[in-house]
Each structure stands twice: as structure tokens, then as C-alpha cells.
Amino acid sequence: MTTIGRRLFMQIAGSAAFAPMTTMTSQASDTPQTPRTTKTPRRYKMGLQLFTIRRPLAADVGGTLKRVAALGYEEVETYGFDPNATGYYGLPAKEFAQRLRDLNITCVSGHYDLNRFAEAPDDALNRYIDQCIEGAKVLGQSYITWPVLDETSKPIEKFKAVVARLNPLGERVAKAGLQLAYHNHGWEFVEQNGQLPYDILLKGTDPALVKLQVDLYWLAHDSKEPANYWFKRAPGRYAMWHVKDMHKVSRDYTELGNGTIDYTQIWPDTELAGMKHFFVEQGGNFAQDPMKSIEDCAAYVKQRLLK
């Protein structure tokens, strides 16, 4: 997702809240083998980051969510929050939560506009995070995710200052019974003065207080190392994945299965990474339209990843 695209959507979503593993087998042997207990593979719900369908949601929340459920998506991640009215997508949090429950859709994470408070005083950041916690609890979310950083926060020294704020923020969120997470883009994998921002993030934050939401598109786009390298660097910490593909020519977004990222090669690392939830996402460059894209992506996930 681009910062500009997110900002535009925040303006829409922040409007008045009431506006219209493979199991190991024993080698053959003549001697009896002790029965081996096999671990039941984790069942993942197919998730969707709602930023993908921001325009359909702006036009028709109820009808769009029904279509999402019909395609087999079982959980979602929000983007956009009205802190003053505690609302999502033009609806009070309680009403939006009820619409999700009616469709048996869970909502485990939300992207909140924390980037606006990257350089704000602590009291302003804390007031905002408390509002986020209030909304997140209504929706039943487990994670409050820091989704993006403005350009002014990306220079390495500015980023170090942001990282220094994440542990205290994570502690505040944890006291409320939730978990803070950080979502990457591509620039964190590009060196600045011999320093890699993502290294700073990993070394400067407590794994118990700050989980990682890995955007695998952006990692593939800019990291010199594959996902497996990063999973080994911080095993068990990548609680959430953003799953989206990269166009073979433009390197822009594209529907899953149409691009250069082979998720069948990444998926075996779910346990190593500690993945608990994943969300299909496509920020733009739709072959047809957002709803057709999430339909095509759902088919890929069912056929190739959750089979």
C-alpha cells in the first residue's frame, strides 16, 4: 500500500461515523517402531485486508461484506478508523461488529493511523492509542497494527526515534489485553548509511511487546534476502502475513498467481515464522475491479495454499 493511497482512504473511512506441514513418516524397518505423535496442521482462516475493497465498501458496506463472506473469506483486517465517533466505514463500531458477526466473519486486526503521531508528544499518542483500543475491543480485534510511516519519519535517525516508542506503546496495548504489531513496506529493507531499518526494528523492539506483520510483497520487492532469511532472524515473531503478488513487468501489485511471488515456496515456513493469521491484499492495479480481484485471489489461496 502506498502512503498516499492510505491517506486518501483514511479521509474516506474517517468521515462521520453515521454517514451513508507435511507429516513425517518413519523409515521402513524390520524392528517395531515407537508410534510417533504427529502435530495437527494449523487451520488458517482465509483473511482479507479491507483496504483492497475500500471503494466498494464506501458505496455499500452491507452488500460488499456479504460478497466477501460468499467468496469464503472468514476474517478481515480493518483499515480506517474514526476515533471521535469510534466508527469504522461510516458505521458505529458496534454496528460494524454486528454486521461481521451476522456473516460469521472475525476481525482480528486493524490498521490505525499511528503514523500521524510518530513525532507527537507522548500524551497525544497515548490518547489516540487508547481510542484505538476502545474500537478494537468492540470489534474483537487482538492486534493494533502500525501500518505505515510518513516520508518525514523514514530517515534513519527519525526511524530510530519511532522504534524507541514502540516498546512503551506495546506495553500500553498489552495492559489492555491486546498486542501491538508493525507492518513493513519496502524501504525498511533498503540500507541508509550502511544501516538497514528492518535490522533496527528487530533489535530495538521486544518480541513480546511488538509483533511483526510481514508484507511479503514489499519484502520481495526490496529485500536482498528471501522471506525465509528474515523468519530465521526472528522465529515465531511474524504473527500476521500480508499476501499479495508482484506484476512480472511493472512490479506493481497483481492478483495472486499472476505475478512473480510463489507462495507455495513460502507457505511451508508458517510455523517457523509464527504466522497465526494472513490477509489477502491488493492495493490497486486490478485486472478488472477490486471484487473480481478478491474472487481470483480467493481461488488461488484455496487451490494452492489451503488445500
Protein backbone atom coordinates (compact mmCIF):
# COMPACT_ATOMS: atom_id res chain seq x y z
CA MET A 1 0.00 0.00 0.00
CA THR A 2 1.24 3.44 -0.68
CA THR A 3 1.17 6.19 1.92
CA ILE A 4 -0.84 8.40 -0.45
CA GLY A 5 -3.38 5.66 -1.04
CA ARG A 6 -3.75 5.06 2.67
CA ARG A 7 -4.15 8.74 3.43
CA LEU A 8 -6.87 9.06 0.83
CA PHE A 9 -8.71 6.13 2.29
CA MET A 10 -8.34 7.46 5.84
CA GLN A 11 -10.15 10.58 4.72
CA ILE A 12 -13.00 8.42 3.43
CA ALA A 13 -13.14 5.98 6.33
CA GLY A 14 -12.66 8.69 8.94
CA SER A 15 -15.74 10.64 7.84
CA ALA A 16 -18.72 10.99 10.16
CA ALA A 17 -19.36 7.62 11.71
CA PHE A 18 -23.01 7.66 10.76
CA ALA A 19 -22.61 8.70 7.12
CA PRO A 20 -24.34 6.92 4.33
CA MET A 21 3.22 -29.36 7.02
CA THR A 22 3.99 -32.33 5.78
CA THR A 23 3.72 -35.22 8.38
CA MET A 24 6.99 -37.13 8.89
CA THR A 25 6.80 -40.89 8.35
CA SER A 26 9.13 -43.48 9.83
CA GLN A 27 11.64 -45.25 7.63
CA ALA A 28 10.73 -48.85 6.80
CA SER A 29 12.33 -51.19 9.29
CA ASP A 30 12.16 -54.83 10.39
CA THR A 31 12.06 -53.72 14.02
CA PRO A 32 8.94 -52.30 15.64
CA GLN A 33 8.80 -48.53 15.69
CA THR A 34 7.56 -46.47 18.59
CA PRO A 35 4.39 -44.69 17.48
CA ARG A 36 5.13 -41.05 16.70
CA THR A 37 2.76 -38.32 17.69
CA THR A 38 2.16 -36.05 14.74
CA LYS A 39 1.24 -32.43 15.10
CA THR A 40 -2.09 -31.47 13.60
CA PRO A 41 -1.54 -28.78 10.98
CA ARG A 42 -2.95 -25.45 11.99
CA ARG A 43 -6.14 -24.49 10.25
CA TYR A 44 -5.94 -20.97 8.92
CA LYS A 45 -8.91 -18.82 8.15
CA MET A 46 -8.71 -17.07 4.80
CA GLY A 47 -8.37 -13.40 5.61
CA LEU A 48 -8.79 -10.17 3.69
CA GLN A 49 -7.33 -6.72 4.30
CA LEU A 50 -10.28 -4.44 3.66
CA PHE A 51 -8.09 -1.73 2.13
CA THR A 52 -8.33 -3.85 -1.02
CA ILE A 53 -12.05 -3.16 -1.36
CA ARG A 54 -12.17 0.35 0.08
CA ARG A 55 -14.19 1.73 -2.84
CA PRO A 56 -16.90 -0.98 -2.82
CA LEU A 57 -17.15 -0.58 0.96
CA ALA A 58 -17.58 3.17 0.60
CA ALA A 59 -20.51 2.56 -1.74
CA ASP A 60 -22.22 -0.35 0.07
CA VAL A 61 -20.89 -1.76 3.33
CA GLY A 62 -23.51 -4.45 3.83
CA GLY A 63 -23.61 -5.78 0.27
CA THR A 64 -19.83 -5.79 -0.01
CA LEU A 65 -19.34 -7.72 3.22
CA LYS A 66 -21.92 -10.30 2.10
CA ARG A 67 -19.96 -10.82 -1.10
CA VAL A 68 -16.71 -11.18 0.89
CA ALA A 69 -18.30 -13.90 3.04
CA ALA A 70 -19.74 -15.67 -0.02
CA LEU A 71 -16.25 -15.91 -1.52
CA GLY A 72 -15.06 -17.83 1.55
CA TYR A 73 -13.23 -15.16 3.48
CA GLU A 74 -13.63 -15.86 7.19
CA GLU A 75 -11.79 -12.98 8.78
CA VAL A 76 -10.79 -9.45 7.93
CA GLU A 77 -8.42 -6.69 8.89
CA THR A 78 -9.73 -3.15 9.00
CA TYR A 79 -8.11 -0.02 7.70
CA GLY A 80 -9.57 3.31 8.67
CA PHE A 81 -10.94 4.46 12.00
CA ASP A 82 -12.90 7.45 13.26
CA PRO A 83 -11.56 7.96 16.79
CA ASN A 84 -14.03 10.68 17.71
CA ALA A 85 -17.09 8.57 16.97
CA THR A 86 -15.43 5.17 17.48
CA GLY A 87 -16.50 4.19 14.00
CA TYR A 88 -15.44 2.12 11.02
CA TYR A 89 -16.51 2.53 7.41
CA GLY A 90 -19.10 5.16 8.28
CA LEU A 91 -20.73 2.99 10.95
CA PRO A 92 -20.51 2.93 14.75
CA ALA A 93 -18.10 0.20 15.85
CA LYS A 94 -20.90 -1.82 17.47
CA GLU A 95 -22.95 -1.84 14.27
CA PHE A 96 -19.99 -2.76 12.09
CA ALA A 97 -19.08 -5.54 14.54
CA GLN A 98 -22.63 -6.90 14.39
CA ARG A 99 -22.59 -6.97 10.60
CA LEU A 100 -19.42 -9.05 10.71
CA ARG A 101 -20.88 -11.42 13.31
CA ASP A 102 -24.01 -11.88 11.23
CA LEU A 103 -21.76 -13.17 8.42
CA ASN A 104 -19.56 -15.30 10.73
CA ILE A 105 -16.56 -13.11 9.90
CA THR A 106 -13.99 -12.43 12.60
CA CYS A 107 -11.90 -9.28 12.75
CA VAL A 108 -8.54 -9.89 14.40
CA SER A 109 -6.50 -6.82 13.47
CA GLY A 110 -6.80 -3.24 12.41
CA HIS A 111 -4.52 -0.74 10.72
CA TYR A 112 -4.68 2.51 12.67
CA ASP A 113 -3.36 5.94 11.75
CA LEU A 114 -0.46 5.83 14.18
CA ASN A 115 1.90 7.40 11.66
CA ARG A 116 0.26 10.78 12.35
CA PHE A 117 1.59 10.56 15.91
CA ALA A 118 5.13 9.41 15.12
CA GLU A 119 6.58 12.71 16.31
CA ALA A 120 3.70 13.82 18.55
CA PRO A 121 4.05 14.21 22.32
CA ASP A 122 3.55 11.05 24.35
CA ASP A 123 0.24 12.22 25.78
CA ALA A 124 -1.23 12.75 22.29
CA LEU A 125 -0.04 9.33 21.13
CA ASN A 126 -1.38 7.69 24.27
CA ARG A 127 -4.79 9.36 23.91
CA TYR A 128 -5.04 8.12 20.36
CA ILE A 129 -3.92 4.58 21.16
CA ASP A 130 -6.50 4.43 23.95
CA GLN A 131 -9.18 5.36 21.42
CA CYS A 132 -7.87 2.64 19.11
CA ILE A 133 -8.01 0.13 21.95
CA GLU A 134 -11.62 1.06 22.61
CA GLY A 135 -12.59 0.47 18.99
CA ALA A 136 -10.52 -2.68 18.68
CA LYS A 137 -12.21 -4.25 21.68
CA VAL A 138 -15.65 -3.62 20.24
CA LEU A 139 -14.63 -5.45 17.05
CA GLY A 140 -12.94 -8.24 18.98
CA GLN A 141 -9.54 -7.46 17.49
CA SER A 142 -6.38 -8.91 19.02
CA TYR A 143 -3.86 -6.68 17.24
CA ILE A 144 -3.45 -2.95 16.79
CA THR A 145 -1.14 -2.59 13.82
CA TRP A 146 1.11 0.35 12.92
CA PRO A 147 0.64 0.31 9.15
CA VAL A 148 2.86 2.93 7.56
CA LEU A 149 5.28 5.80 8.15
CA ASP A 150 5.25 9.21 6.53
CA GLU A 151 8.26 10.25 4.49
CA THR A 152 9.44 12.56 7.28
CA SER A 153 9.83 9.54 9.61
CA LYS A 154 11.88 7.41 7.20
CA PRO A 155 15.39 8.94 7.55
CA ILE A 156 17.36 6.54 9.70
CA GLU A 157 17.68 8.71 12.80
CA LYS A 158 13.97 9.59 12.68
CA PHE A 159 13.13 5.92 12.31
CA LYS A 160 15.26 5.06 15.35
CA ALA A 161 13.15 7.53 17.32
CA VAL A 162 9.96 5.81 16.14
CA VAL A 163 11.35 2.38 17.08
CA ALA A 164 12.19 3.71 20.55
CA ARG A 165 8.50 4.47 21.05
CA LEU A 166 7.23 1.04 20.07
CA ASN A 167 8.07 -0.86 23.27
CA PRO A 168 6.27 1.60 25.59
CA LEU A 169 3.36 1.69 23.18
CA GLY A 170 3.30 -2.11 23.03
CA GLU A 171 3.29 -2.24 26.82
CA ARG A 172 0.30 0.09 26.97
CA VAL A 173 -1.56 -2.02 24.43
CA ALA A 174 -0.64 -5.23 26.27
CA LYS A 175 -2.06 -3.87 29.53
CA ALA A 176 -5.37 -3.59 27.70
CA GLY A 177 -5.15 -7.25 26.71
CA LEU A 178 -4.18 -6.62 23.09
CA GLN A 179 -0.98 -6.82 21.02
CA LEU A 180 0.88 -4.16 19.04
CA ALA A 181 2.22 -5.10 15.60
CA TYR A 182 4.32 -3.30 12.98
CA HIS A 183 3.63 -3.60 9.25
CA ASN A 184 6.56 -3.15 6.85
CA HIS A 185 6.85 -1.65 3.41
CA GLY A 186 9.88 -1.90 1.13
CA TRP A 187 12.03 0.97 2.36
CA GLU A 188 12.81 -0.81 5.66
CA PHE A 189 14.90 -3.27 3.59
CA VAL A 190 16.98 -0.58 1.87
CA GLU A 191 20.22 0.48 3.56
CA GLN A 192 20.72 4.04 4.78
CA ASN A 193 24.31 4.96 5.59
CA GLY A 194 25.18 1.28 5.96
CA GLN A 195 22.27 0.64 8.29
CA LEU A 196 19.17 -1.42 7.49
CA PRO A 197 15.99 -0.05 9.06
CA TYR A 198 14.47 -3.51 9.49
CA ASP A 199 17.55 -4.60 11.49
CA ILE A 200 16.99 -1.62 13.75
CA LEU A 201 13.35 -2.62 14.19
CA LEU A 202 14.22 -6.21 15.10
CA LYS A 203 17.00 -5.27 17.51
CA GLY A 204 15.22 -2.30 19.08
CA THR A 205 11.90 -3.89 19.99
CA ASP A 206 10.84 -6.54 22.48
CA PRO A 207 9.34 -9.59 20.69
CA ALA A 208 6.82 -9.94 23.50
CA LEU A 209 5.56 -6.38 23.03
CA VAL A 210 5.88 -5.80 19.30
CA LYS A 211 4.84 -8.48 16.83
CA LEU A 212 5.57 -8.27 13.11
CA GLN A 213 3.09 -8.17 10.29
CA VAL A 214 5.17 -9.06 7.27
CA ASP A 215 4.06 -7.69 3.94
CA LEU A 216 5.55 -10.32 1.65
CA TYR A 217 5.07 -8.25 -1.49
CA TRP A 218 7.18 -5.39 -0.16
CA LEU A 219 9.77 -7.80 1.25
CA ALA A 220 10.12 -9.44 -2.17
CA HIS A 221 10.17 -6.03 -3.82
CA ASP A 222 13.10 -4.55 -1.89
CA SER A 223 14.86 -7.07 0.37
CA LYS A 224 18.12 -8.62 -0.83
CA GLU A 225 17.24 -11.67 1.26
CA PRO A 226 14.23 -14.01 0.91
CA ALA A 227 11.46 -14.29 3.47
CA ASN A 228 12.99 -17.44 4.98
CA TYR A 229 16.09 -15.46 5.99
CA TRP A 230 14.00 -12.99 7.95
CA PHE A 231 11.88 -15.72 9.53
CA LYS A 232 15.09 -17.34 10.81
CA ARG A 233 16.24 -13.99 12.17
CA ALA A 234 13.11 -13.65 14.31
CA PRO A 235 11.38 -17.04 14.50
CA GLY A 236 7.87 -17.03 15.90
CA ARG A 237 7.50 -13.28 15.69
CA TYR A 238 5.72 -12.87 12.35
CA ALA A 239 2.20 -13.28 13.70
CA MET A 240 0.48 -11.95 10.58
CA TRP A 241 1.24 -12.06 6.86
CA HIS A 242 0.05 -9.83 4.05
CA VAL A 243 -0.22 -11.99 0.95
CA LYS A 244 -0.14 -10.26 -2.43
CA ASP A 245 1.63 -10.73 -5.74
CA MET A 246 4.04 -8.67 -7.88
CA HIS A 247 3.44 -7.95 -11.57
CA LYS A 248 6.04 -9.64 -13.78
CA VAL A 249 6.82 -6.47 -15.74
CA SER A 250 5.85 -3.38 -13.78
CA ARG A 251 6.50 -4.87 -10.29
CA ASP A 252 3.21 -3.26 -9.23
CA TYR A 253 0.50 -5.22 -7.45
CA THR A 254 -1.32 -8.00 -9.28
CA GLU A 255 -3.73 -10.81 -8.47
CA LEU A 256 -2.30 -13.86 -6.65
CA GLY A 257 -0.90 -16.39 -9.11
CA ASN A 258 -0.38 -13.84 -11.87
CA GLY A 259 2.96 -12.49 -10.67
CA THR A 260 6.46 -13.44 -9.56
CA ILE A 261 5.90 -14.46 -5.92
CA ASP A 262 5.46 -18.22 -5.48
CA TYR A 263 3.62 -18.56 -2.19
CA THR A 264 3.78 -22.36 -2.33
CA GLN A 265 7.52 -21.94 -1.60
CA ILE A 266 6.91 -19.57 1.33
CA TRP A 267 3.93 -21.31 2.93
CA PRO A 268 5.98 -24.18 4.48
CA ASP A 269 7.55 -21.54 6.76
CA THR A 270 4.30 -20.63 8.52
CA GLU A 271 5.34 -22.46 11.69
CA LEU A 272 8.89 -21.09 11.64
CA ALA A 273 7.56 -17.59 11.23
CA GLY A 274 4.88 -17.99 13.87
CA MET A 275 2.10 -17.00 11.49
CA LYS A 276 -1.34 -17.02 13.08
CA HIS A 277 -3.29 -15.01 10.54
CA PHE A 278 -2.89 -14.00 6.92
CA PHE A 279 -4.67 -11.42 4.84
CA VAL A 280 -5.02 -11.27 1.09
CA GLU A 281 -4.37 -7.73 -0.08
CA GLN A 282 -4.10 -5.85 -3.34
CA GLY A 283 -3.80 -2.11 -3.05
CA GLY A 284 -4.52 -1.38 -6.72
CA ASN A 285 -3.67 -2.26 -10.32
CA PHE A 286 -6.70 -4.52 -10.55
CA ALA A 287 -7.09 -6.56 -13.74
CA GLN A 288 -10.80 -5.76 -13.68
CA ASP A 289 -12.08 -4.42 -10.38
CA PRO A 290 -11.47 -4.99 -6.64
CA MET A 291 -14.26 -7.53 -6.17
CA LYS A 292 -13.16 -9.65 -9.14
CA SER A 293 -9.59 -9.50 -7.81
CA ILE A 294 -10.51 -10.79 -4.36
CA GLU A 295 -12.51 -13.55 -6.08
CA ASP A 296 -9.48 -14.59 -8.15
CA CYS A 297 -7.18 -14.35 -5.13
CA ALA A 298 -9.56 -16.48 -3.05
CA ALA A 299 -9.47 -19.19 -5.72
CA TYR A 300 -5.64 -19.18 -5.66
CA VAL A 301 -5.49 -19.42 -1.87
CA LYS A 302 -7.99 -22.30 -1.74
CA GLN A 303 -6.33 -24.25 -4.56
CA ARG A 304 -2.67 -23.67 -3.75
CA LEU A 305 -2.27 -22.76 -0.07
CA LEU A 306 -5.17 -24.13 1.98
CA LYS A 307 -5.69 -27.37 0.06
